[in-house]
Amino acid sequence: MDTAWYLEILEHEGRSLADAAEQAGPGAPVSACPDWRVRDLLRHTGVVHRWAAGFVADACPAPRPMEEHPDLDGPELVAWYRACHGALLDTLREAKPDVECWTFMPGAESGLAFWARRQAHETAVHRWDAQAARGSDPTPVATDFAVDGVDELLRGFHARRRSRVRTKEPRVLRIRATDADAVWTVRLSQEPPVTTRDAAGDAECEVSGPAAELYLSLWNRLPVPKVTGDAALAELWRQTSAIV
C-alpha cells in the first residue's frame, strides 16, 4: 500500500467525519466512547491531526505532547476540525518521501509512510463513530483497507510494551478474514502479544468474519463476528485491548 493510497482514504474519511459530526450535532453521544459527545470526538481527532502533522512538518525526531483541546463548539468547532484535517493533508502531500521523524510503531518505510497510514486509520475509525452518532448505519470500510488496519493493530499497536492484552500462561488466538486472504496468529503471554501473518500451529480460539467487521470489532466498535474455541480469549481482547 503506497502513501498516495492512504492519503486518498484520509481525505475522504476526514471529510465524511466532519459531515457526519455536523449532521449529528455536537451534543450527540458517541457509543464507542461512553464519556464522549461528538464535540469531544472532533476536538480529539483535530488535535491528533495537528500533532501528527507537526512531526512530519518539523522532521521532529523525538516524542512531544499534544496540545490542549480547543474551547470551541458548534459550527466553529466543525470548521476548526476541517482546517486541521486540511492542514494535515497538505503537510503529508508536501513532505519528502524519505522524511525522518518520530514514530511510535515499528516497520514503516519512512515517517511519512507511518503517519499517512496511522492517520488514515485513526480517521476512519472516528468517522465510523461520528456516523453512528448521527443515528444512521455507518458507511462500510473497504476490505483491503480493513485488512491493513487489522494488521496495523495486531502487529503494530499491540506489539508495543503498552499493550495490556496479557495472559498468565501462553495462549494462542487466531484472527481470520473470511473475505480476504488474511489470517493472523496472536501468541499471548505475560509479555506483549506476538503476532504473525500466518495460520501456523493450533489456536485455542479463532475469531473470524469479514475483514471490515473484524477491523471494527477489534477496535471495539462492533461485536465479534464469530468465535470458535475458547471464547474467554475473545472476551479478554474486548476487556483489555483499548489503546492507552
C-alpha atoms as a PDB file:
ATOM      1  CA  MET A   1       0.000   0.000   0.000  1.00  0.00           C
ATOM      2  CA  ASP A   2       1.593   3.293  -1.031  1.00  0.00           C
ATOM      3  CA  THR A   3       1.324   6.661   0.666  1.00  0.00           C
ATOM      4  CA  ALA A   4      -0.926   8.098  -2.044  1.00  0.00           C
ATOM      5  CA  TRP A   5      -3.487   5.374  -1.301  1.00  0.00           C
ATOM      6  CA  TYR A   6      -3.560   6.247   2.380  1.00  0.00           C
ATOM      7  CA  LEU A   7      -3.823   9.963   1.644  1.00  0.00           C
ATOM      8  CA  GLU A   8      -6.786   9.424  -0.666  1.00  0.00           C
ATOM      9  CA  ILE A   9      -8.533   7.486   2.086  1.00  0.00           C
ATOM     10  CA  LEU A  10      -7.559  10.053   4.723  1.00  0.00           C
ATOM     11  CA  GLU A  11      -9.050  12.837   2.624  1.00  0.00           C
ATOM     12  CA  HIS A  12     -12.350  11.027   2.130  1.00  0.00           C
ATOM     13  CA  GLU A  13     -12.647   9.808   5.721  1.00  0.00           C
ATOM     14  CA  GLY A  14     -11.904  13.208   7.227  1.00  0.00           C
ATOM     15  CA  ARG A  15     -14.490  14.959   5.096  1.00  0.00           C
ATOM     16  CA  SER A  16     -17.038  12.273   5.903  1.00  0.00           C
ATOM     17  CA  LEU A  17     -16.250  12.577   9.624  1.00  0.00           C
ATOM     18  CA  ALA A  18     -16.838  16.338   9.545  1.00  0.00           C
ATOM     19  CA  ASP A  19     -20.057  15.985   7.554  1.00  0.00           C
ATOM     20  CA  ALA A  20     -21.424  13.342   9.952  1.00  0.00           C
ATOM     21  CA  ALA A  21     -20.445  15.367  13.024  1.00  0.00           C
ATOM     22  CA  GLU A  22     -22.181  18.411  11.606  1.00  0.00           C
ATOM     23  CA  GLN A  23     -25.334  16.393  10.968  1.00  0.00           C
ATOM     24  CA  ALA A  24     -25.262  14.655  14.366  1.00  0.00           C
ATOM     25  CA  GLY A  25     -24.721  17.842  16.339  1.00  0.00           C
ATOM     26  CA  PRO A  26     -22.035  18.490  18.970  1.00  0.00           C
ATOM     27  CA  GLY A  27     -24.021  17.002  21.847  1.00  0.00           C
ATOM     28  CA  ALA A  28     -24.771  13.630  20.265  1.00  0.00           C
ATOM     29  CA  PRO A  29     -23.336  10.713  22.288  1.00  0.00           C
ATOM     30  CA  VAL A  30     -20.505   8.589  20.866  1.00  0.00           C
ATOM     31  CA  SER A  31     -21.448   4.994  21.641  1.00  0.00           C
ATOM     32  CA  ALA A  32     -17.946   3.503  21.455  1.00  0.00           C
ATOM     33  CA  CYS A  33     -16.583   6.116  23.866  1.00  0.00           C
ATOM     34  CA  PRO A  34     -19.246   6.464  26.588  1.00  0.00           C
ATOM     35  CA  ASP A  35     -17.746   9.618  28.111  1.00  0.00           C
ATOM     36  CA  TRP A  36     -17.644  11.427  24.763  1.00  0.00           C
ATOM     37  CA  ARG A  37     -20.026  13.570  22.785  1.00  0.00           C
ATOM     38  CA  VAL A  38     -19.423  14.486  19.159  1.00  0.00           C
ATOM     39  CA  ARG A  39     -17.694  17.689  20.282  1.00  0.00           C
ATOM     40  CA  ASP A  40     -15.134  15.557  22.148  1.00  0.00           C
ATOM     41  CA  LEU A  41     -14.613  13.405  19.070  1.00  0.00           C
ATOM     42  CA  LEU A  42     -13.907  16.444  16.892  1.00  0.00           C
ATOM     43  CA  ARG A  43     -11.597  18.053  19.455  1.00  0.00           C
ATOM     44  CA  HIS A  44      -9.650  14.828  19.918  1.00  0.00           C
ATOM     45  CA  THR A  45      -9.270  13.988  16.248  1.00  0.00           C
ATOM     46  CA  GLY A  46      -8.361  17.535  15.290  1.00  0.00           C
ATOM     47  CA  VAL A  47      -5.649  17.712  17.946  1.00  0.00           C
ATOM     48  CA  VAL A  48      -4.294  14.328  16.820  1.00  0.00           C
ATOM     49  CA  HIS A  49      -4.154  15.614  13.226  1.00  0.00           C
ATOM     50  CA  ARG A  50      -2.192  18.678  14.354  1.00  0.00           C
ATOM     51  CA  TRP A  51       0.126  16.541  16.493  1.00  0.00           C
ATOM     52  CA  ALA A  52       0.861  14.139  13.617  1.00  0.00           C
ATOM     53  CA  ALA A  53       1.384  16.918  11.073  1.00  0.00           C
ATOM     54  CA  GLY A  54       3.890  18.590  13.365  1.00  0.00           C
ATOM     55  CA  PHE A  55       6.245  15.608  13.432  1.00  0.00           C
ATOM     56  CA  VAL A  56       6.366  15.491   9.643  1.00  0.00           C
ATOM     57  CA  ALA A  57       6.500  19.249   9.035  1.00  0.00           C
ATOM     58  CA  ASP A  58       9.311  19.767  11.558  1.00  0.00           C
ATOM     59  CA  ALA A  59      11.102  16.454  10.922  1.00  0.00           C
ATOM     60  CA  CYS A  60      10.841  16.137  14.699  1.00  0.00           C
ATOM     61  CA  PRO A  61      12.952  13.193  15.942  1.00  0.00           C
ATOM     62  CA  ALA A  62      11.504  12.854  19.451  1.00  0.00           C
ATOM     63  CA  PRO A  63       8.065  12.496  21.035  1.00  0.00           C
ATOM     64  CA  ARG A  64       6.259  15.591  22.220  1.00  0.00           C
ATOM     65  CA  PRO A  65       2.877  16.155  23.850  1.00  0.00           C
ATOM     66  CA  MET A  66      -0.333  17.012  22.109  1.00  0.00           C
ATOM     67  CA  GLU A  67      -1.742  20.480  22.567  1.00  0.00           C
ATOM     68  CA  GLU A  68      -4.798  21.218  24.667  1.00  0.00           C
ATOM     69  CA  HIS A  69      -8.233  20.711  23.164  1.00  0.00           C
ATOM     70  CA  PRO A  70      -9.719  23.956  21.845  1.00  0.00           C
ATOM     71  CA  ASP A  71     -12.561  25.670  23.662  1.00  0.00           C
ATOM     72  CA  LEU A  72     -14.779  25.613  20.590  1.00  0.00           C
ATOM     73  CA  ASP A  73     -18.207  24.183  19.876  1.00  0.00           C
ATOM     74  CA  GLY A  74     -20.904  24.052  17.233  1.00  0.00           C
ATOM     75  CA  PRO A  75     -20.139  25.328  13.704  1.00  0.00           C
ATOM     76  CA  GLU A  76     -16.844  26.899  14.830  1.00  0.00           C
ATOM     77  CA  LEU A  77     -15.624  23.517  16.081  1.00  0.00           C
ATOM     78  CA  VAL A  78     -16.573  21.772  12.829  1.00  0.00           C
ATOM     79  CA  ALA A  79     -14.763  24.464  10.826  1.00  0.00           C
ATOM     80  CA  TRP A  80     -11.709  24.104  13.072  1.00  0.00           C
ATOM     81  CA  TYR A  81     -11.688  20.329  12.527  1.00  0.00           C
ATOM     82  CA  ARG A  82     -11.948  20.742   8.762  1.00  0.00           C
ATOM     83  CA  ALA A  83      -8.968  23.123   8.869  1.00  0.00           C
ATOM     84  CA  CYS A  84      -6.910  20.665  10.958  1.00  0.00           C
ATOM     85  CA  HIS A  85      -7.709  17.865   8.536  1.00  0.00           C
ATOM     86  CA  GLY A  86      -6.862  20.003   5.527  1.00  0.00           C
ATOM     87  CA  ALA A  87      -3.564  21.128   7.047  1.00  0.00           C
ATOM     88  CA  LEU A  88      -2.604  17.520   7.790  1.00  0.00           C
ATOM     89  CA  LEU A  89      -3.284  16.533   4.187  1.00  0.00           C
ATOM     90  CA  ASP A  90      -1.245  19.467   2.878  1.00  0.00           C
ATOM     91  CA  THR A  91       1.667  18.601   5.167  1.00  0.00           C
ATOM     92  CA  LEU A  92       1.722  14.948   4.176  1.00  0.00           C
ATOM     93  CA  ARG A  93       1.376  15.684   0.462  1.00  0.00           C
ATOM     94  CA  GLU A  94       4.191  18.237   0.506  1.00  0.00           C
ATOM     95  CA  ALA A  95       6.607  16.173   2.620  1.00  0.00           C
ATOM     96  CA  LYS A  96       9.685  14.478   1.207  1.00  0.00           C
ATOM     97  CA  PRO A  97       9.079  10.728   0.795  1.00  0.00           C
ATOM     98  CA  ASP A  98      12.088   9.876   2.950  1.00  0.00           C
ATOM     99  CA  VAL A  99      11.421  12.391   5.721  1.00  0.00           C
ATOM    100  CA  GLU A 100      12.775  11.208   9.047  1.00  0.00           C
ATOM    101  CA  CYS A 101      10.727  11.924  12.150  1.00  0.00           C
ATOM    102  CA  TRP A 102       9.457  10.295  15.324  1.00  0.00           C
ATOM    103  CA  THR A 103       7.017   7.403  15.035  1.00  0.00           C
ATOM    104  CA  PHE A 104       5.717   5.034  17.675  1.00  0.00           C
ATOM    105  CA  MET A 105       5.396   1.693  15.904  1.00  0.00           C
ATOM    106  CA  PRO A 106       7.995  -0.365  14.027  1.00  0.00           C
ATOM    107  CA  GLY A 107       8.040  -1.328  10.388  1.00  0.00           C
ATOM    108  CA  ALA A 108       7.293   1.851   8.437  1.00  0.00           C
ATOM    109  CA  GLU A 109       9.468   2.709   5.443  1.00  0.00           C
ATOM    110  CA  SER A 110       9.565   6.378   6.476  1.00  0.00           C
ATOM    111  CA  GLY A 111       7.994   8.867   8.820  1.00  0.00           C
ATOM    112  CA  LEU A 112       5.696   9.946   6.007  1.00  0.00           C
ATOM    113  CA  ALA A 113       4.532   6.392   5.328  1.00  0.00           C
ATOM    114  CA  PHE A 114       3.883   5.825   9.019  1.00  0.00           C
ATOM    115  CA  TRP A 115       1.844   8.966   9.624  1.00  0.00           C
ATOM    116  CA  ALA A 116      -0.168   8.655   6.407  1.00  0.00           C
ATOM    117  CA  ARG A 117      -1.187   5.124   7.376  1.00  0.00           C
ATOM    118  CA  ARG A 118      -1.795   5.907  11.043  1.00  0.00           C
ATOM    119  CA  GLN A 119      -3.888   8.987  10.351  1.00  0.00           C
ATOM    120  CA  ALA A 120      -5.943   7.207   7.693  1.00  0.00           C
ATOM    121  CA  HIS A 121      -6.929   4.537  10.210  1.00  0.00           C
ATOM    122  CA  GLU A 122      -7.375   6.996  13.079  1.00  0.00           C
ATOM    123  CA  THR A 123      -9.760   8.999  10.942  1.00  0.00           C
ATOM    124  CA  ALA A 124     -11.635   6.007   9.542  1.00  0.00           C
ATOM    125  CA  VAL A 125     -12.461   4.641  12.987  1.00  0.00           C
ATOM    126  CA  HIS A 126     -13.608   8.028  14.258  1.00  0.00           C
ATOM    127  CA  ARG A 127     -15.577   8.637  11.052  1.00  0.00           C
ATOM    128  CA  TRP A 128     -17.456   5.452  11.917  1.00  0.00           C
ATOM    129  CA  ASP A 129     -18.054   6.882  15.411  1.00  0.00           C
ATOM    130  CA  ALA A 130     -19.415  10.135  14.002  1.00  0.00           C
ATOM    131  CA  GLN A 131     -21.726   8.394  11.553  1.00  0.00           C
ATOM    132  CA  ALA A 132     -23.006   6.085  14.291  1.00  0.00           C
ATOM    133  CA  ALA A 133     -23.667   9.144  16.481  1.00  0.00           C
ATOM    134  CA  ARG A 134     -25.681  10.604  13.621  1.00  0.00           C
ATOM    135  CA  GLY A 135     -28.121   7.740  14.071  1.00  0.00           C
ATOM    136  CA  SER A 136     -27.739   6.009  10.711  1.00  0.00           C
ATOM    137  CA  ASP A 137     -25.756   2.991   9.571  1.00  0.00           C
ATOM    138  CA  PRO A 138     -22.115   3.985   9.051  1.00  0.00           C
ATOM    139  CA  THR A 139     -20.544   3.502   5.651  1.00  0.00           C
ATOM    140  CA  PRO A 140     -18.680   0.161   5.488  1.00  0.00           C
ATOM    141  CA  VAL A 141     -14.891   0.076   5.477  1.00  0.00           C
ATOM    142  CA  ALA A 142     -13.329  -1.285   2.281  1.00  0.00           C
ATOM    143  CA  THR A 143     -11.996  -4.843   2.596  1.00  0.00           C
ATOM    144  CA  ASP A 144      -8.380  -4.129   1.631  1.00  0.00           C
ATOM    145  CA  PHE A 145      -8.194  -1.147   3.959  1.00  0.00           C
ATOM    146  CA  ALA A 146      -9.741  -3.170   6.782  1.00  0.00           C
ATOM    147  CA  VAL A 147      -7.157  -5.946   6.324  1.00  0.00           C
ATOM    148  CA  ASP A 148      -4.407  -3.329   6.519  1.00  0.00           C
ATOM    149  CA  GLY A 149      -5.989  -1.882   9.651  1.00  0.00           C
ATOM    150  CA  VAL A 150      -6.181  -5.233  11.402  1.00  0.00           C
ATOM    151  CA  ASP A 151      -2.531  -5.760  10.551  1.00  0.00           C
ATOM    152  CA  GLU A 152      -1.569  -2.354  11.957  1.00  0.00           C
ATOM    153  CA  LEU A 153      -3.498  -3.002  15.149  1.00  0.00           C
ATOM    154  CA  LEU A 154      -2.165  -6.501  15.780  1.00  0.00           C
ATOM    155  CA  ARG A 155       1.420  -6.174  14.572  1.00  0.00           C
ATOM    156  CA  GLY A 156       1.840  -2.505  15.423  1.00  0.00           C
ATOM    157  CA  PHE A 157      -0.136  -1.237  18.400  1.00  0.00           C
ATOM    158  CA  HIS A 158      -0.212  -4.499  20.316  1.00  0.00           C
ATOM    159  CA  ALA A 159       3.436  -5.299  19.689  1.00  0.00           C
ATOM    160  CA  ARG A 160       4.289  -2.385  21.995  1.00  0.00           C
ATOM    161  CA  ARG A 161       5.037  -2.666  25.684  1.00  0.00           C
ATOM    162  CA  ARG A 162       1.889  -0.660  26.401  1.00  0.00           C
ATOM    163  CA  SER A 163      -0.441  -3.434  25.241  1.00  0.00           C
ATOM    164  CA  ARG A 164      -2.467  -4.763  28.158  1.00  0.00           C
ATOM    165  CA  VAL A 165      -3.542  -7.963  26.369  1.00  0.00           C
ATOM    166  CA  ARG A 166      -1.665 -10.459  28.555  1.00  0.00           C
ATOM    167  CA  THR A 167      -2.244 -13.975  29.903  1.00  0.00           C
ATOM    168  CA  LYS A 168      -0.643 -15.773  32.836  1.00  0.00           C
ATOM    169  CA  GLU A 169       0.110 -18.818  30.679  1.00  0.00           C
ATOM    170  CA  PRO A 170       0.914 -18.923  26.948  1.00  0.00           C
ATOM    171  CA  ARG A 171      -2.260 -18.889  24.841  1.00  0.00           C
ATOM    172  CA  VAL A 172      -2.911 -18.653  21.104  1.00  0.00           C
ATOM    173  CA  LEU A 173      -5.619 -16.583  19.412  1.00  0.00           C
ATOM    174  CA  ARG A 174      -6.264 -16.658  15.664  1.00  0.00           C
ATOM    175  CA  ILE A 175      -7.899 -13.902  13.642  1.00  0.00           C
ATOM    176  CA  ARG A 176      -9.204 -14.880  10.198  1.00  0.00           C
ATOM    177  CA  ALA A 177     -10.803 -12.753   7.490  1.00  0.00           C
ATOM    178  CA  THR A 178     -13.399 -14.769   5.599  1.00  0.00           C
ATOM    179  CA  ASP A 179     -13.486 -12.486   2.562  1.00  0.00           C
ATOM    180  CA  ALA A 180      -9.741 -11.989   2.026  1.00  0.00           C
ATOM    181  CA  ASP A 181      -6.524 -13.983   2.059  1.00  0.00           C
ATOM    182  CA  ALA A 182      -5.628 -12.751   5.537  1.00  0.00           C
ATOM    183  CA  VAL A 183      -5.083 -14.625   8.787  1.00  0.00           C
ATOM    184  CA  TRP A 184      -3.121 -13.737  11.908  1.00  0.00           C
ATOM    185  CA  THR A 185      -1.838 -15.845  14.793  1.00  0.00           C
ATOM    186  CA  VAL A 186      -1.588 -13.944  18.081  1.00  0.00           C
ATOM    187  CA  ARG A 187       0.567 -15.545  20.767  1.00  0.00           C
ATOM    188  CA  LEU A 188      -0.344 -14.278  24.206  1.00  0.00           C
ATOM    189  CA  SER A 189       1.702 -14.440  27.373  1.00  0.00           C
ATOM    190  CA  GLN A 190       2.827 -12.207  30.221  1.00  0.00           C
ATOM    191  CA  GLU A 191       4.745 -10.210  27.595  1.00  0.00           C
ATOM    192  CA  PRO A 192       3.242  -8.091  24.778  1.00  0.00           C
ATOM    193  CA  PRO A 193       1.408 -10.169  22.152  1.00  0.00           C
ATOM    194  CA  VAL A 194       3.488 -11.535  19.283  1.00  0.00           C
ATOM    195  CA  THR A 195       1.523 -11.652  16.037  1.00  0.00           C
ATOM    196  CA  THR A 196       2.476 -13.331  12.776  1.00  0.00           C
ATOM    197  CA  ARG A 197       0.665 -13.150   9.448  1.00  0.00           C
ATOM    198  CA  ASP A 198       0.002 -16.874   9.122  1.00  0.00           C
ATOM    199  CA  ALA A 199      -2.053 -19.790  10.447  1.00  0.00           C
ATOM    200  CA  ALA A 200       0.865 -21.699  11.916  1.00  0.00           C
ATOM    201  CA  GLY A 201       0.113 -24.165  14.701  1.00  0.00           C
ATOM    202  CA  ASP A 202      -3.022 -24.777  16.714  1.00  0.00           C
ATOM    203  CA  ALA A 203      -5.090 -21.957  18.199  1.00  0.00           C
ATOM    204  CA  GLU A 204      -7.303 -22.192  21.269  1.00  0.00           C
ATOM    205  CA  CYS A 205      -9.705 -19.583  19.936  1.00  0.00           C
ATOM    206  CA  GLU A 206     -10.456 -18.277  16.464  1.00  0.00           C
ATOM    207  CA  VAL A 207     -12.231 -15.010  15.688  1.00  0.00           C
ATOM    208  CA  SER A 208     -13.447 -14.894  12.100  1.00  0.00           C
ATOM    209  CA  GLY A 209     -15.611 -12.804   9.835  1.00  0.00           C
ATOM    210  CA  PRO A 210     -15.498 -10.274   7.001  1.00  0.00           C
ATOM    211  CA  ALA A 211     -12.436  -8.050   7.248  1.00  0.00           C
ATOM    212  CA  ALA A 212     -14.457  -4.865   7.780  1.00  0.00           C
ATOM    213  CA  GLU A 213     -16.298  -6.415  10.725  1.00  0.00           C
ATOM    214  CA  LEU A 214     -13.077  -7.769  12.206  1.00  0.00           C
ATOM    215  CA  TYR A 215     -11.483  -4.334  11.907  1.00  0.00           C
ATOM    216  CA  LEU A 216     -14.283  -2.618  13.799  1.00  0.00           C
ATOM    217  CA  SER A 217     -14.739  -5.387  16.353  1.00  0.00           C
ATOM    218  CA  LEU A 218     -11.014  -5.457  17.185  1.00  0.00           C
ATOM    219  CA  TRP A 219     -11.268  -1.698  17.724  1.00  0.00           C
ATOM    220  CA  ASN A 220     -14.256  -2.474  19.990  1.00  0.00           C
ATOM    221  CA  ARG A 221     -16.796  -0.770  17.742  1.00  0.00           C
ATOM    222  CA  LEU A 222     -18.821  -3.887  16.835  1.00  0.00           C
ATOM    223  CA  PRO A 223     -19.416  -7.298  18.413  1.00  0.00           C
ATOM    224  CA  VAL A 224     -17.029 -10.047  17.353  1.00  0.00           C
ATOM    225  CA  PRO A 225     -18.478 -11.640  14.181  1.00  0.00           C
ATOM    226  CA  LYS A 226     -17.817 -15.307  15.046  1.00  0.00           C
ATOM    227  CA  VAL A 227     -15.897 -17.074  17.802  1.00  0.00           C
ATOM    228  CA  THR A 228     -14.903 -20.736  17.834  1.00  0.00           C
ATOM    229  CA  GLY A 229     -12.999 -22.444  20.618  1.00  0.00           C
ATOM    230  CA  ASP A 230     -12.325 -20.776  23.965  1.00  0.00           C
ATOM    231  CA  ALA A 231     -14.462 -17.630  23.912  1.00  0.00           C
ATOM    232  CA  ALA A 232     -12.672 -16.377  27.019  1.00  0.00           C
ATOM    233  CA  LEU A 233      -9.788 -15.245  24.809  1.00  0.00           C
ATOM    234  CA  ALA A 234     -12.105 -13.143  22.666  1.00  0.00           C
ATOM    235  CA  GLU A 235     -13.550 -11.652  25.840  1.00  0.00           C
ATOM    236  CA  LEU A 236     -10.041 -10.956  27.131  1.00  0.00           C
ATOM    237  CA  TRP A 237      -9.410  -8.953  23.992  1.00  0.00           C
ATOM    238  CA  ARG A 238     -12.598  -6.938  24.483  1.00  0.00           C
ATOM    239  CA  GLN A 239     -11.734  -6.147  28.088  1.00  0.00           C
ATOM    240  CA  THR A 240      -8.041  -5.297  27.748  1.00  0.00           C
ATOM    241  CA  SER A 241      -7.290  -4.155  24.197  1.00  0.00           C
ATOM    242  CA  ALA A 242      -8.285  -0.486  24.472  1.00  0.00           C
ATOM    243  CA  ILE A 243      -5.394   1.699  23.317  1.00  0.00           C
ATOM    244  CA  VAL A 244      -3.998   3.788  26.159  1.00  0.00           C
END
